[in-house]
C-alpha atoms as a PDB file:
ATOM      1  CA  MET A   1     -60.481  95.285-196.222  1.00  0.00           C
ATOM      2  CA  MET A   2     -59.941  99.029-195.943  1.00  0.00           C
ATOM      3  CA  THR A   3     -57.691 100.359-193.268  1.00  0.00           C
ATOM      4  CA  ARG A   4     -58.719 103.407-191.347  1.00  0.00           C
ATOM      5  CA  LYS A   5     -56.478 106.468-191.519  1.00  0.00           C
ATOM      6  CA  PRO A   6     -55.259 107.609-188.139  1.00  0.00           C
ATOM      7  CA  THR A   7     -56.691 110.985-187.215  1.00  0.00           C
ATOM      8  CA  LYS A   8     -54.225 113.703-186.390  1.00  0.00           C
ATOM      9  CA  ASN A   9     -54.849 115.329-183.069  1.00  0.00           C
ATOM     10  CA  THR A  10     -53.679 118.793-184.056  1.00  0.00           C
ATOM     11  CA  LYS A  11     -52.257 120.955-181.338  1.00  0.00           C
ATOM     12  CA  PRO A  12     -53.602 124.526-181.079  1.00  0.00           C
ATOM     13  CA  PHE A  13     -51.156 127.327-181.879  1.00  0.00           C
ATOM     14  CA  TRP A  14     -50.835 131.071-181.290  1.00  0.00           C
ATOM     15  CA  GLU A  15     -50.874 133.526-184.180  1.00  0.00           C
ATOM     16  CA  ARG A  16     -49.608 137.025-183.495  1.00  0.00           C
ATOM     17  CA  GLY A  17     -51.471 140.074-184.787  1.00  0.00           C
ATOM     18  CA  TYR A  18     -51.017 143.829-184.425  1.00  0.00           C
ATOM     19  CA  ASP A  19     -52.866 144.227-181.122  1.00  0.00           C
ATOM     20  CA  THR A  20     -54.533 140.810-180.800  1.00  0.00           C
ATOM     21  CA  HIS A  21     -53.226 137.274-180.635  1.00  0.00           C
ATOM     22  CA  GLY A  22     -55.419 134.423-181.882  1.00  0.00           C
ATOM     23  CA  TYR A  23     -55.364 130.825-180.635  1.00  0.00           C
ATOM     24  CA  TRP A  24     -56.167 128.497-183.550  1.00  0.00           C
ATOM     25  CA  GLN A  25     -56.878 124.792-183.867  1.00  0.00           C
ATOM     26  CA  LYS A  26     -56.822 123.703-187.503  1.00  0.00           C
ATOM     27  CA  LYS A  27     -58.767 126.517-189.222  1.00  0.00           C
ATOM     28  CA  LYS A  28     -60.963 127.446-186.269  1.00  0.00           C
ATOM     29  CA  LYS A  29     -60.229 130.304-183.883  1.00  0.00           C
ATOM     30  CA  VAL A  30     -60.755 128.920-180.385  1.00  0.00           C
ATOM     31  CA  GLY A  31     -59.521 131.877-178.327  1.00  0.00           C
ATOM     32  CA  TRP A  32     -57.926 135.322-178.424  1.00  0.00           C
ATOM     33  CA  VAL A  33     -56.049 137.909-176.375  1.00  0.00           C
ATOM     34  CA  ALA A  34     -56.364 141.654-177.077  1.00  0.00           C
ATOM     35  CA  LEU A  35     -54.483 144.670-175.735  1.00  0.00           C
ATOM     36  CA  GLU A  36     -56.724 147.312-174.185  1.00  0.00           C
ATOM     37  CA  GLY A  37     -55.513 150.762-173.166  1.00  0.00           C
ATOM     38  CA  LYS A  38     -52.134 152.440-173.525  1.00  0.00           C
ATOM     39  CA  GLY A  39     -49.080 153.119-171.401  1.00  0.00           C
ATOM     40  CA  MET A  40     -49.260 152.154-167.744  1.00  0.00           C
ATOM     41  CA  ASN A  41     -53.031 151.565-167.887  1.00  0.00           C
ATOM     42  CA  CYS A  42     -52.948 148.743-170.426  1.00  0.00           C
ATOM     43  CA  ARG A  43     -54.634 145.400-169.726  1.00  0.00           C
ATOM     44  CA  TYR A  44     -54.961 142.219-171.742  1.00  0.00           C
ATOM     45  CA  ARG A  45     -58.500 140.977-172.328  1.00  0.00           C
ATOM     46  CA  TRP A  46     -58.902 137.315-173.237  1.00  0.00           C
ATOM     47  CA  GLN A  47     -61.706 135.013-174.338  1.00  0.00           C
ATOM     48  CA  ALA A  48     -61.823 131.264-174.858  1.00  0.00           C
ATOM     49  CA  GLY A  49     -65.038 129.351-175.436  1.00  0.00           C
ATOM     50  CA  ASN A  50     -67.657 130.883-173.162  1.00  0.00           C
ATOM     51  CA  ARG A  51     -65.181 132.335-170.649  1.00  0.00           C
ATOM     52  CA  ALA A  52     -63.492 135.733-170.638  1.00  0.00           C
ATOM     53  CA  GLY A  53     -61.281 137.763-168.350  1.00  0.00           C
ATOM     54  CA  GLU A  54     -58.462 140.274-167.924  1.00  0.00           C
ATOM     55  CA  ALA A  55     -54.794 139.917-167.066  1.00  0.00           C
ATOM     56  CA  LYS A  56     -51.851 142.236-166.404  1.00  0.00           C
ATOM     57  CA  THR A  57     -49.393 140.518-168.772  1.00  0.00           C
ATOM     58  CA  LEU A  58     -49.612 138.861-172.166  1.00  0.00           C
ATOM     59  CA  ALA A  59     -48.093 135.617-170.857  1.00  0.00           C
ATOM     60  CA  GLU A  60     -50.679 135.463-168.066  1.00  0.00           C
ATOM     61  CA  ALA A  61     -53.564 136.046-170.503  1.00  0.00           C
ATOM     62  CA  LYS A  62     -52.297 133.369-172.909  1.00  0.00           C
ATOM     63  CA  ARG A  63     -51.931 130.932-170.027  1.00  0.00           C
ATOM     64  CA  GLU A  64     -55.559 131.540-169.012  1.00  0.00           C
ATOM     65  CA  VAL A  65     -56.791 130.889-172.577  1.00  0.00           C
ATOM     66  CA  GLU A  66     -54.824 127.638-172.738  1.00  0.00           C
ATOM     67  CA  ARG A  67     -55.976 126.550-169.276  1.00  0.00           C
ATOM     68  CA  THR A  68     -59.624 127.296-170.104  1.00  0.00           C
ATOM     69  CA  LEU A  69     -59.496 125.231-173.289  1.00  0.00           C
ATOM     70  CA  GLU A  70     -57.698 122.417-171.472  1.00  0.00           C
ATOM     71  CA  PHE A  71     -60.775 121.915-169.331  1.00  0.00           C
ATOM     72  CA  GLY A  72     -62.974 121.654-172.417  1.00  0.00           C
ATOM     73  CA  ALA A  73     -64.807 124.985-172.392  1.00  0.00           C
ATOM     74  CA  ARG A  74     -66.456 125.258-175.782  1.00  0.00           C
ATOM     75  CA  GLN A  75     -68.845 127.802-177.190  1.00  0.00           C
ATOM     76  CA  LEU A  76     -71.898 126.382-178.944  1.00  0.00           C
ATOM     77  CA  GLY A  77     -72.509 127.631-182.435  1.00  0.00           C
ATOM     78  CA  LEU A  78     -75.505 129.828-183.146  1.00  0.00           C
ATOM     79  CA  PHE A  79     -77.480 127.077-184.848  1.00  0.00           C
ATOM     80  CA  ASP A  80     -76.252 124.049-182.865  1.00  0.00           C
ATOM     81  CA  ALA A  81     -79.071 122.067-181.334  1.00  0.00           C
ATOM     82  CA  GLY A  82     -77.461 121.574-177.922  1.00  0.00           C
ATOM     83  CA  GLU A  83     -80.332 120.096-175.897  1.00  0.00           C
ATOM     84  CA  ALA A  84     -83.518 119.913-177.912  1.00  0.00           C
ATOM     85  CA  GLY A  85     -86.305 119.995-175.415  1.00  0.00           C
END
């Protein structure tokens, strides 16, 4: 009798870039935060799944990405069937 290997539930992690930060789970990018503007007029744009928004601070934008993915917001792939009707 073969035993089944336990699946690892990998935790998403942040990867820092020059002006963007990516949120990765395994080898798939599930969200990002980008700096827009310069000086006092800078904002952080974020996107996770099918949701997007803006925040004043990097910590706030990262929190929104994490919160959005916590609730299971996922973006369907281009060729995913979804609901075939």
